[in-house]
C-alpha atoms as a PDB file:
ATOM      1  CA  MET A   1      10.828  75.141 145.546  1.00  0.00           C
ATOM      2  CA  LEU A   2      13.295  73.003 143.558  1.00  0.00           C
ATOM      3  CA  SER A   3      15.486  76.038 142.955  1.00  0.00           C
ATOM      4  CA  ARG A   4      16.035  76.186 146.696  1.00  0.00           C
ATOM      5  CA  TRP A   5      17.397  72.619 146.678  1.00  0.00           C
ATOM      6  CA  TYR A   6      19.439  73.055 143.540  1.00  0.00           C
ATOM      7  CA  GLY A   7      20.806  76.253 145.060  1.00  0.00           C
ATOM      8  CA  ASP A   8      22.161  74.266 148.003  1.00  0.00           C
ATOM      9  CA  GLU A   9      25.935  74.650 148.082  1.00  0.00           C
ATOM     10  CA  SER A  10      26.613  70.942 148.654  1.00  0.00           C
ATOM     11  CA  VAL A  11      24.455  69.950 145.661  1.00  0.00           C
ATOM     12  CA  ARG A  12      26.036  72.613 143.465  1.00  0.00           C
ATOM     13  CA  LYS A  13      29.542  71.574 144.522  1.00  0.00           C
ATOM     14  CA  ARG A  14      28.932  67.898 143.718  1.00  0.00           C
ATOM     15  CA  SER A  15      27.435  68.756 140.352  1.00  0.00           C
ATOM     16  CA  ILE A  16      30.486  70.727 139.199  1.00  0.00           C
ATOM     17  CA  THR A  17      33.150  68.397 140.579  1.00  0.00           C
ATOM     18  CA  PRO A  18      34.920  66.924 137.544  1.00  0.00           C
ATOM     19  CA  LEU A  19      34.629  63.188 137.105  1.00  0.00           C
ATOM     20  CA  PRO A  20      37.794  61.099 136.948  1.00  0.00           C
ATOM     21  CA  GLU A  21      38.648  60.245 133.332  1.00  0.00           C
ATOM     22  CA  ARG A  22      37.463  56.624 133.632  1.00  0.00           C
ATOM     23  CA  HIS A  23      34.082  57.695 135.018  1.00  0.00           C
ATOM     24  CA  ARG A  24      33.763  60.421 132.401  1.00  0.00           C
ATOM     25  CA  ALA A  25      34.183  57.833 129.632  1.00  0.00           C
ATOM     26  CA  GLU A  26      31.609  55.535 131.259  1.00  0.00           C
ATOM     27  CA  ASN A  27      29.237  58.479 131.704  1.00  0.00           C
ATOM     28  CA  ASP A  28      29.634  59.472 128.050  1.00  0.00           C
ATOM     29  CA  ASP A  29      28.928  55.889 126.964  1.00  0.00           C
ATOM     30  CA  ILE A  30      25.762  55.696 129.074  1.00  0.00           C
ATOM     31  CA  GLU A  31      24.632  59.083 127.771  1.00  0.00           C
ATOM     32  CA  GLN A  32      25.124  57.913 124.166  1.00  0.00           C
ATOM     33  CA  GLN A  33      23.126  54.753 124.860  1.00  0.00           C
ATOM     34  CA  PHE A  34      20.267  56.827 126.287  1.00  0.00           C
ATOM     35  CA  ARG A  35      20.382  59.130 123.267  1.00  0.00           C
ATOM     36  CA  ARG A  36      20.220  56.207 120.832  1.00  0.00           C
ATOM     37  CA  ILE A  37      17.226  54.756 122.647  1.00  0.00           C
ATOM     38  CA  LEU A  38      15.392  58.072 123.008  1.00  0.00           C
ATOM     39  CA  GLN A  39      16.019  58.986 119.348  1.00  0.00           C
ATOM     40  CA  SER A  40      14.930  55.607 117.994  1.00  0.00           C
ATOM     41  CA  PRO A  41      11.978  55.872 115.610  1.00  0.00           C
ATOM     42  CA  ASP A  42      11.304  52.181 116.386  1.00  0.00           C
ATOM     43  CA  ILE A  43       9.998  53.228 119.828  1.00  0.00           C
ATOM     44  CA  PRO A  44       6.711  55.161 119.814  1.00  0.00           C
ATOM     45  CA  LEU A  45       7.112  58.853 120.634  1.00  0.00           C
ATOM     46  CA  GLU A  46       4.861  58.675 123.715  1.00  0.00           C
ATOM     47  CA  ARG A  47       7.015  55.863 125.133  1.00  0.00           C
ATOM     48  CA  ARG A  48      10.239  57.799 124.466  1.00  0.00           C
ATOM     49  CA  VAL A  49       8.837  60.880 126.200  1.00  0.00           C
ATOM     50  CA  ARG A  50       7.823  58.780 129.214  1.00  0.00           C
ATOM     51  CA  MET A  51      11.299  57.234 129.265  1.00  0.00           C
ATOM     52  CA  ALA A  52      12.925  60.678 129.196  1.00  0.00           C
ATOM     53  CA  CYS A  53      10.667  61.838 132.025  1.00  0.00           C
ATOM     54  CA  SER A  54      11.546  58.793 134.105  1.00  0.00           C
ATOM     55  CA  ILE A  55      15.264  59.406 133.566  1.00  0.00           C
ATOM     56  CA  GLY A  56      14.749  63.009 134.679  1.00  0.00           C
ATOM     57  CA  THR A  57      12.904  61.774 137.767  1.00  0.00           C
ATOM     58  CA  VAL A  58      15.730  59.478 138.790  1.00  0.00           C
ATOM     59  CA  VAL A  59      18.514  61.968 138.032  1.00  0.00           C
ATOM     60  CA  GLY A  60      16.705  64.821 139.766  1.00  0.00           C
ATOM     61  CA  THR A  61      16.062  62.723 142.842  1.00  0.00           C
ATOM     62  CA  LEU A  62      19.644  61.496 143.003  1.00  0.00           C
ATOM     63  CA  ALA A  63      21.050  65.003 142.471  1.00  0.00           C
ATOM     64  CA  THR A  64      19.034  66.396 145.385  1.00  0.00           C
ATOM     65  CA  GLY A  65      18.757  63.180 147.374  1.00  0.00           C
ATOM     66  CA  GLU A  66      21.185  63.734 150.211  1.00  0.00           C
ATOM     67  CA  ALA A  67      20.367  67.418 150.623  1.00  0.00           C
ATOM     68  CA  VAL A  68      16.620  66.831 150.550  1.00  0.00           C
ATOM     69  CA  PHE A  69      16.022  63.231 151.592  1.00  0.00           C
ATOM     70  CA  GLY A  70      19.014  62.647 153.878  1.00  0.00           C
ATOM     71  CA  ASP A  71      16.757  61.494 156.708  1.00  0.00           C
ATOM     72  CA  VAL A  72      15.090  58.784 154.579  1.00  0.00           C
ATOM     73  CA  PRO A  73      16.618  55.287 154.500  1.00  0.00           C
ATOM     74  CA  MET A  74      18.082  54.525 151.061  1.00  0.00           C
ATOM     75  CA  GLU A  75      15.907  51.417 150.628  1.00  0.00           C
ATOM     76  CA  GLU A  76      12.743  53.464 151.183  1.00  0.00           C
ATOM     77  CA  LEU A  77      13.876  56.225 148.827  1.00  0.00           C
ATOM     78  CA  ALA A  78      14.824  53.669 146.156  1.00  0.00           C
ATOM     79  CA  ALA A  79      11.383  52.034 146.414  1.00  0.00           C
ATOM     80  CA  LEU A  80       9.666  55.414 146.042  1.00  0.00           C
ATOM     81  CA  VAL A  81      11.777  56.314 142.999  1.00  0.00           C
ATOM     82  CA  ARG A  82      11.015  52.944 141.400  1.00  0.00           C
ATOM     83  CA  GLY A  83       7.300  53.571 142.020  1.00  0.00           C
ATOM     84  CA  ALA A  84       7.490  57.024 140.431  1.00  0.00           C
ATOM     85  CA  VAL A  85       9.299  55.654 137.390  1.00  0.00           C
ATOM     86  CA  SER A  86       6.762  52.834 137.084  1.00  0.00           C
ATOM     87  CA  ASP A  87       3.928  55.370 137.185  1.00  0.00           C
ATOM     88  CA  LEU A  88       5.609  57.487 134.525  1.00  0.00           C
ATOM     89  CA  LEU A  89       6.227  54.567 132.221  1.00  0.00           C
ATOM     90  CA  GLY A  90       2.650  53.352 132.665  1.00  0.00           C
END
């Protein structure tokens, strides 16, 4: 089912569009911050796994959002994503 959405041309096109240099640097910085947090032995493994799952939930929803949830008001979608992340984090 998800492969159908990820196969959508508009989603695929957005995902391969290069970021401007400034955004690429910001993206790299955010990615490094996530890596440091998720690799930290100071955070229990179960918590890190839940954090990684929640990040995947948000990214996956945003990547398919317009193609899949275009008819849903952004405020409603944001509330549902926050609820899903809250459930994942426990």
